[in-house]
């Protein structure tokens, strides 16, 4: 059997005013516990990107996805030699901060709102690539709340 890359929907949740929502990965996380990351989840067979993002935002953060915007695609190769490979379709998702709560306490132990240029210590290894797409989207759209 030939290994094939999986498809992941990565989402940078934001409040529409420039802050991004990050989750600290807990002891039960699949990888890199103790690091801060945006959200992500696998695209299920027959599911649209938007449906996957809305489902995953609800599961991880207990919040509705108010606006979903595709902001880029990343080809992620981890390890040397490559031990995992996935295609990450990255989205900017506006959520209501008042709705946000940890929806998967077995994966995350803390949530926080951060300015993209003032991130917490110990970022996940994939966070910078996703945030670069988010900040370039913000610059293209004319500012923090765009």
Protein backbone atom coordinates (compact mmCIF):
# COMPACT_ATOMS: atom_id res chain seq x y z
CA UNK A 1 0.00 0.00 0.00
CA UNK A 2 1.32 3.43 -0.97
CA UNK A 3 1.15 6.17 1.64
CA UNK A 4 -0.87 9.20 0.61
CA UNK A 5 -1.09 12.65 2.18
CA UNK A 6 -4.18 13.46 4.21
CA UNK A 7 -6.14 16.72 4.00
CA UNK A 8 -6.43 18.93 7.05
CA UNK A 9 -8.53 22.04 7.55
CA UNK A 10 -6.48 24.48 9.63
CA UNK A 11 -8.29 27.47 11.08
CA UNK A 12 -7.00 30.68 12.59
CA UNK A 13 -9.91 31.93 14.67
CA UNK A 14 -10.03 35.67 15.20
CA UNK A 15 -12.28 38.22 16.88
CA UNK A 16 -12.48 40.62 13.92
CA UNK A 17 -10.42 43.17 15.87
CA UNK A 18 -6.93 41.74 15.33
CA UNK A 19 -6.65 39.08 18.01
CA UNK A 20 -6.24 35.38 17.25
CA UNK A 21 -7.38 32.47 19.39
CA UNK A 22 -4.75 29.88 20.30
CA UNK A 23 -5.01 26.68 22.32
CA UNK A 24 -2.29 25.16 24.47
CA UNK A 25 -1.99 21.48 23.68
CA UNK A 26 -2.49 19.28 26.72
CA UNK A 27 -0.92 15.99 27.75
CA UNK A 28 -3.43 14.05 25.61
CA UNK A 29 -2.64 15.92 22.40
CA UNK A 30 -1.42 13.91 19.40
CA UNK A 31 1.88 15.79 19.28
CA UNK A 32 3.86 18.64 20.84
CA UNK A 33 2.07 18.90 24.22
CA UNK A 34 2.58 22.22 26.00
CA UNK A 35 2.77 24.19 22.75
CA UNK A 36 0.30 26.80 21.50
CA UNK A 37 -1.45 26.32 18.16
CA UNK A 38 -4.44 27.37 16.11
CA UNK A 39 -7.10 24.75 15.42
CA UNK A 40 -7.24 21.99 12.83
CA UNK A 41 -9.04 18.84 11.89
CA UNK A 42 -9.27 16.25 9.17
CA UNK A 43 -11.52 16.69 6.19
CA UNK A 44 -14.00 13.80 6.18
CA UNK A 45 -15.02 11.98 3.01
CA UNK A 46 -17.85 13.84 1.23
CA UNK A 47 -17.54 16.94 3.43
CA UNK A 48 -17.09 20.49 2.13
CA UNK A 49 -14.21 22.55 3.51
CA UNK A 50 -16.66 24.98 5.11
CA UNK A 51 -18.63 22.19 6.80
CA UNK A 52 -15.41 20.65 8.14
CA UNK A 53 -14.21 23.99 9.50
CA UNK A 54 -17.57 24.78 11.12
CA UNK A 55 -17.68 21.30 12.70
CA UNK A 56 -14.12 21.47 13.99
CA UNK A 57 -14.48 25.02 15.40
CA UNK A 58 -17.61 23.88 17.27
CA UNK A 59 -15.86 20.73 18.55
CA UNK A 60 -12.63 22.40 19.64
CA UNK A 61 -13.85 25.82 20.79
CA UNK A 62 -17.62 25.38 21.43
CA UNK A 63 -18.29 28.36 19.16
CA UNK A 64 -20.04 29.01 15.88
CA UNK A 65 -17.96 29.93 12.85
CA UNK A 66 -19.42 33.36 11.97
CA UNK A 67 -17.29 33.95 8.84
CA UNK A 68 -15.05 31.48 7.04
CA UNK A 69 -12.45 32.63 4.51
CA UNK A 70 -9.92 30.45 2.67
CA UNK A 71 -6.50 32.09 3.07
CA UNK A 72 -4.05 29.56 1.68
CA UNK A 73 -2.74 26.04 1.29
CA UNK A 74 0.36 24.49 2.83
CA UNK A 75 2.11 21.25 1.88
CA UNK A 76 3.34 19.94 5.23
CA UNK A 77 6.18 17.41 5.31
CA UNK A 78 7.42 16.41 8.77
CA UNK A 79 10.58 14.53 9.57
CA UNK A 80 13.70 13.55 7.67
CA UNK A 81 12.99 11.15 6.12
CA UNK A 82 9.34 12.24 5.87
CA UNK A 83 7.31 10.56 8.61
CA UNK A 84 4.04 12.41 8.02
CA UNK A 85 2.62 14.37 5.13
CA UNK A 86 -0.58 16.35 4.83
CA UNK A 87 -2.09 19.14 2.80
CA UNK A 88 -3.34 21.93 5.06
CA UNK A 89 -6.06 24.15 3.64
CA UNK A 90 -5.92 27.21 5.90
CA UNK A 91 -8.89 29.39 6.86
CA UNK A 92 -9.48 32.63 8.76
CA UNK A 93 -12.58 32.17 10.93
CA UNK A 94 -14.29 34.92 12.87
CA UNK A 95 -15.85 33.78 16.14
CA UNK A 96 -17.56 35.54 19.02
CA UNK A 97 -15.07 35.58 21.93
CA UNK A 98 -17.97 35.33 24.41
CA UNK A 99 -18.86 31.88 22.98
CA UNK A 100 -15.36 30.42 23.10
CA UNK A 101 -14.59 27.63 25.57
CA UNK A 102 -12.46 24.48 25.54
CA UNK A 103 -14.55 21.86 23.78
CA UNK A 104 -11.96 19.08 23.87
CA UNK A 105 -10.32 19.10 27.31
CA UNK A 106 -8.52 15.84 26.52
CA UNK A 107 -6.55 17.76 23.84
CA UNK A 108 -6.29 21.33 25.16
CA UNK A 109 -5.70 22.74 28.63
CA UNK A 110 -5.84 26.49 28.00
CA UNK A 111 -7.16 29.02 25.48
CA UNK A 112 -5.92 32.55 24.95
CA UNK A 113 -6.42 35.58 22.71
CA UNK A 114 -3.23 37.08 21.28
CA UNK A 115 -2.07 39.76 18.89
CA UNK A 116 -0.26 37.99 16.04
CA UNK A 117 2.93 39.89 16.89
CA UNK A 118 2.71 39.05 20.63
CA UNK A 119 2.42 35.29 20.79
CA UNK A 120 2.95 33.09 23.85
CA UNK A 121 6.16 31.15 24.41
CA UNK A 122 6.36 27.62 23.01
CA UNK A 123 4.51 27.83 19.69
CA UNK A 124 3.64 24.59 17.87
CA UNK A 125 6.02 23.83 14.99
CA UNK A 126 3.29 24.48 12.39
CA UNK A 127 1.86 27.71 13.88
CA UNK A 128 4.17 30.19 12.13
CA UNK A 129 3.17 28.98 8.64
CA UNK A 130 -0.54 29.33 9.36
CA UNK A 131 -0.16 32.72 11.05
CA UNK A 132 1.91 34.01 8.12
CA UNK A 133 -1.07 33.34 5.84
CA UNK A 134 -3.39 35.06 8.33
CA UNK A 135 -1.23 38.17 8.71
CA UNK A 136 -0.75 38.49 4.93
CA UNK A 137 -4.55 38.24 4.54
CA UNK A 138 -5.02 40.95 7.15
CA UNK A 139 -2.53 43.22 5.36
CA UNK A 140 -4.25 42.62 1.99
CA UNK A 141 -7.67 43.40 3.48
CA UNK A 142 -6.51 46.65 5.07
CA UNK A 143 -6.10 46.02 8.78
CA UNK A 144 -6.85 44.03 11.89
CA UNK A 145 -10.61 43.84 11.66
CA UNK A 146 -10.77 43.37 7.91
